[in-house]
C-alpha atoms as a PDB file:
ATOM      1  CA  MET A   1      49.338  99.958  65.995  1.00  0.00           C
ATOM      2  CA  ASN A   2      46.185  98.740  64.192  1.00  0.00           C
ATOM      3  CA  VAL A   3      44.774  95.506  64.750  1.00  0.00           C
ATOM      4  CA  ALA A   4      44.491  95.047  60.405  1.00  0.00           C
ATOM      5  CA  SER A   5      48.397  95.714  59.983  1.00  0.00           C
ATOM      6  CA  LEU A   6      49.065  93.379  63.050  1.00  0.00           C
ATOM      7  CA  LEU A   7      46.766  90.270  61.610  1.00  0.00           C
ATOM      8  CA  SER A   8      48.279  91.057  58.346  1.00  0.00           C
ATOM      9  CA  ASP A   9      51.491  90.396  59.625  1.00  0.00           C
ATOM     10  CA  LEU A  10      51.136  87.217  60.847  1.00  0.00           C
ATOM     11  CA  PRO A  11      52.415  84.267  59.952  1.00  0.00           C
ATOM     12  CA  ALA A  12      50.222  81.920  58.074  1.00  0.00           C
ATOM     13  CA  GLY A  13      48.506  79.402  60.260  1.00  0.00           C
ATOM     14  CA  SER A  14      48.934  81.514  63.339  1.00  0.00           C
ATOM     15  CA  ARG A  15      46.597  81.028  66.348  1.00  0.00           C
ATOM     16  CA  ILE A  16      44.879  83.695  67.733  1.00  0.00           C
ATOM     17  CA  LEU A  17      42.497  84.239  70.873  1.00  0.00           C
ATOM     18  CA  VAL A  18      39.589  86.419  71.066  1.00  0.00           C
ATOM     19  CA  ILE A  19      38.169  86.614  74.408  1.00  0.00           C
ATOM     20  CA  ARG A  20      34.876  87.900  74.997  1.00  0.00           C
ATOM     21  CA  LEU A  21      33.687  86.759  78.435  1.00  0.00           C
ATOM     22  CA  ARG A  22      30.212  88.337  79.298  1.00  0.00           C
ATOM     23  CA  SER A  23      27.500  90.104  77.282  1.00  0.00           C
ATOM     24  CA  ILE A  24      25.407  87.747  75.335  1.00  0.00           C
ATOM     25  CA  GLY A  25      24.899  90.655  72.739  1.00  0.00           C
ATOM     26  CA  ASP A  26      28.911  90.779  72.302  1.00  0.00           C
ATOM     27  CA  ILE A  27      29.208  87.190  71.801  1.00  0.00           C
ATOM     28  CA  ILE A  28      26.293  87.211  68.978  1.00  0.00           C
ATOM     29  CA  LEU A  29      28.004  90.492  67.337  1.00  0.00           C
ATOM     30  CA  LEU A  30      31.540  88.548  67.088  1.00  0.00           C
ATOM     31  CA  THR A  31      30.065  86.028  64.514  1.00  0.00           C
ATOM     32  CA  PRO A  32      29.827  88.528  61.759  1.00  0.00           C
ATOM     33  CA  THR A  33      33.235  89.305  62.629  1.00  0.00           C
ATOM     34  CA  LEU A  34      34.664  86.149  62.911  1.00  0.00           C
ATOM     35  CA  ARG A  35      33.134  85.114  59.352  1.00  0.00           C
ATOM     36  CA  LEU A  36      34.740  88.639  57.906  1.00  0.00           C
ATOM     37  CA  LEU A  37      38.347  87.806  59.537  1.00  0.00           C
ATOM     38  CA  ASN A  38      37.955  84.106  58.399  1.00  0.00           C
ATOM     39  CA  ASN A  39      37.121  85.531  54.788  1.00  0.00           C
ATOM     40  CA  TRP A  40      40.049  87.808  54.952  1.00  0.00           C
ATOM     41  CA  ARG A  41      42.705  85.780  56.354  1.00  0.00           C
ATOM     42  CA  SER A  42      41.451  81.613  56.438  1.00  0.00           C
ATOM     43  CA  ASP A  43      44.681  80.428  57.583  1.00  0.00           C
ATOM     44  CA  LEU A  44      44.537  81.708  61.136  1.00  0.00           C
ATOM     45  CA  ARG A  45      43.733  79.705  63.844  1.00  0.00           C
ATOM     46  CA  VAL A  46      40.918  81.220  65.860  1.00  0.00           C
ATOM     47  CA  SER A  47      40.113  80.394  69.399  1.00  0.00           C
ATOM     48  CA  VAL A  48      37.171  82.072  71.560  1.00  0.00           C
ATOM     49  CA  ALA A  49      37.244  82.323  75.384  1.00  0.00           C
ATOM     50  CA  VAL A  50      33.726  82.702  76.804  1.00  0.00           C
ATOM     51  CA  GLU A  51      31.911  82.194  80.157  1.00  0.00           C
ATOM     52  CA  HIS A  52      30.604  78.725  80.321  1.00  0.00           C
ATOM     53  CA  ARG A  53      27.106  79.484  79.970  1.00  0.00           C
ATOM     54  CA  PHE A  54      27.495  81.069  76.305  1.00  0.00           C
ATOM     55  CA  ARG A  55      29.911  78.052  74.642  1.00  0.00           C
ATOM     56  CA  SER A  56      26.566  76.484  73.125  1.00  0.00           C
ATOM     57  CA  LEU A  57      26.187  79.992  71.127  1.00  0.00           C
ATOM     58  CA  LEU A  58      29.731  79.499  69.202  1.00  0.00           C
ATOM     59  CA  GLU A  59      29.774  75.974  69.191  1.00  0.00           C
ATOM     60  CA  GLY A  60      29.777  73.853  65.695  1.00  0.00           C
ATOM     61  CA  ASN A  61      31.023  77.712  63.756  1.00  0.00           C
ATOM     62  CA  PRO A  62      33.427  76.971  61.207  1.00  0.00           C
ATOM     63  CA  THR A  63      35.299  80.070  61.695  1.00  0.00           C
ATOM     64  CA  ILE A  64      36.221  78.870  64.952  1.00  0.00           C
ATOM     65  CA  GLU A  65      38.925  76.312  65.938  1.00  0.00           C
ATOM     66  CA  GLU A  66      38.175  75.972  69.494  1.00  0.00           C
ATOM     67  CA  VAL A  67      35.891  77.464  72.027  1.00  0.00           C
ATOM     68  CA  LEU A  68      37.242  77.861  75.530  1.00  0.00           C
ATOM     69  CA  ALA A  69      34.463  77.825  78.071  1.00  0.00           C
ATOM     70  CA  LEU A  70      35.692  79.117  81.271  1.00  0.00           C
ATOM     71  CA  ALA A  71      33.754  78.645  84.395  1.00  0.00           C
ATOM     72  CA  LEU A  72      34.071  82.056  86.166  1.00  0.00           C
ATOM     73  CA  GLN A  73      33.461  82.912  89.982  1.00  0.00           C
ATOM     74  CA  PRO A  74      31.085  85.924  91.127  1.00  0.00           C
ATOM     75  CA  VAL A  75      32.471  88.571  91.772  1.00  0.00           C
ATOM     76  CA  ALA A  76      31.615  90.866  94.858  1.00  0.00           C
ATOM     77  CA  CYS A  77      31.004  94.031  92.605  1.00  0.00           C
ATOM     78  CA  ASP A  78      30.039  94.970  89.378  1.00  0.00           C
ATOM     79  CA  VAL A  79      33.347  96.695  87.835  1.00  0.00           C
ATOM     80  CA  ARG A  80      31.359  98.154  85.233  1.00  0.00           C
ATOM     81  CA  ARG A  81      29.124  99.979  87.399  1.00  0.00           C
ATOM     82  CA  ARG A  82      30.788 103.315  87.725  1.00  0.00           C
ATOM     83  CA  PRO A  83      29.445 106.435  90.077  1.00  0.00           C
ATOM     84  CA  THR A  84      27.772 108.938  88.211  1.00  0.00           C
ATOM     85  CA  PRO A  85      29.772 111.617  87.011  1.00  0.00           C
ATOM     86  CA  PRO A  86      29.217 115.243  88.827  1.00  0.00           C
ATOM     87  CA  SER A  87      27.495 116.632  85.540  1.00  0.00           C
ATOM     88  CA  ARG A  88      24.746 114.125  85.712  1.00  0.00           C
ATOM     89  CA  ARG A  89      24.368 114.668  89.231  1.00  0.00           C
ATOM     90  CA  ALA A  90      23.957 118.114  88.796  1.00  0.00           C
ATOM     91  CA  GLY A  91      21.277 117.565  86.109  1.00  0.00           C
ATOM     92  CA  TRP A  92      23.528 118.160  82.733  1.00  0.00           C
ATOM     93  CA  ASP A  93      22.724 116.163  79.903  1.00  0.00           C
ATOM     94  CA  ALA A  94      26.190 116.373  78.674  1.00  0.00           C
ATOM     95  CA  PRO A  95      29.440 116.924  80.658  1.00  0.00           C
ATOM     96  CA  PRO A  96      30.592 120.684  80.310  1.00  0.00           C
ATOM     97  CA  VAL A  97      32.853 121.517  78.078  1.00  0.00           C
END
């Protein structure tokens, strides 16, 4: 299933939630995507969930019905950190094929 077919099949006035909690760059890049979505399906009611500190980046955006600001607790480790793969530890620039 692709997103375009899913969105086109939604009834008029459907509510959708876009979750973009962290990463200021991704939140800023989300703006043109929301504008395109609104141009295509202006009947959709779009809410966006972000970390509280990024709320102001999206407030006042006419394509967003609601900005949900979440107060997130810091985590003990950064789950985005991944161990260095063996191919990189061995000095390869790309994994073996």
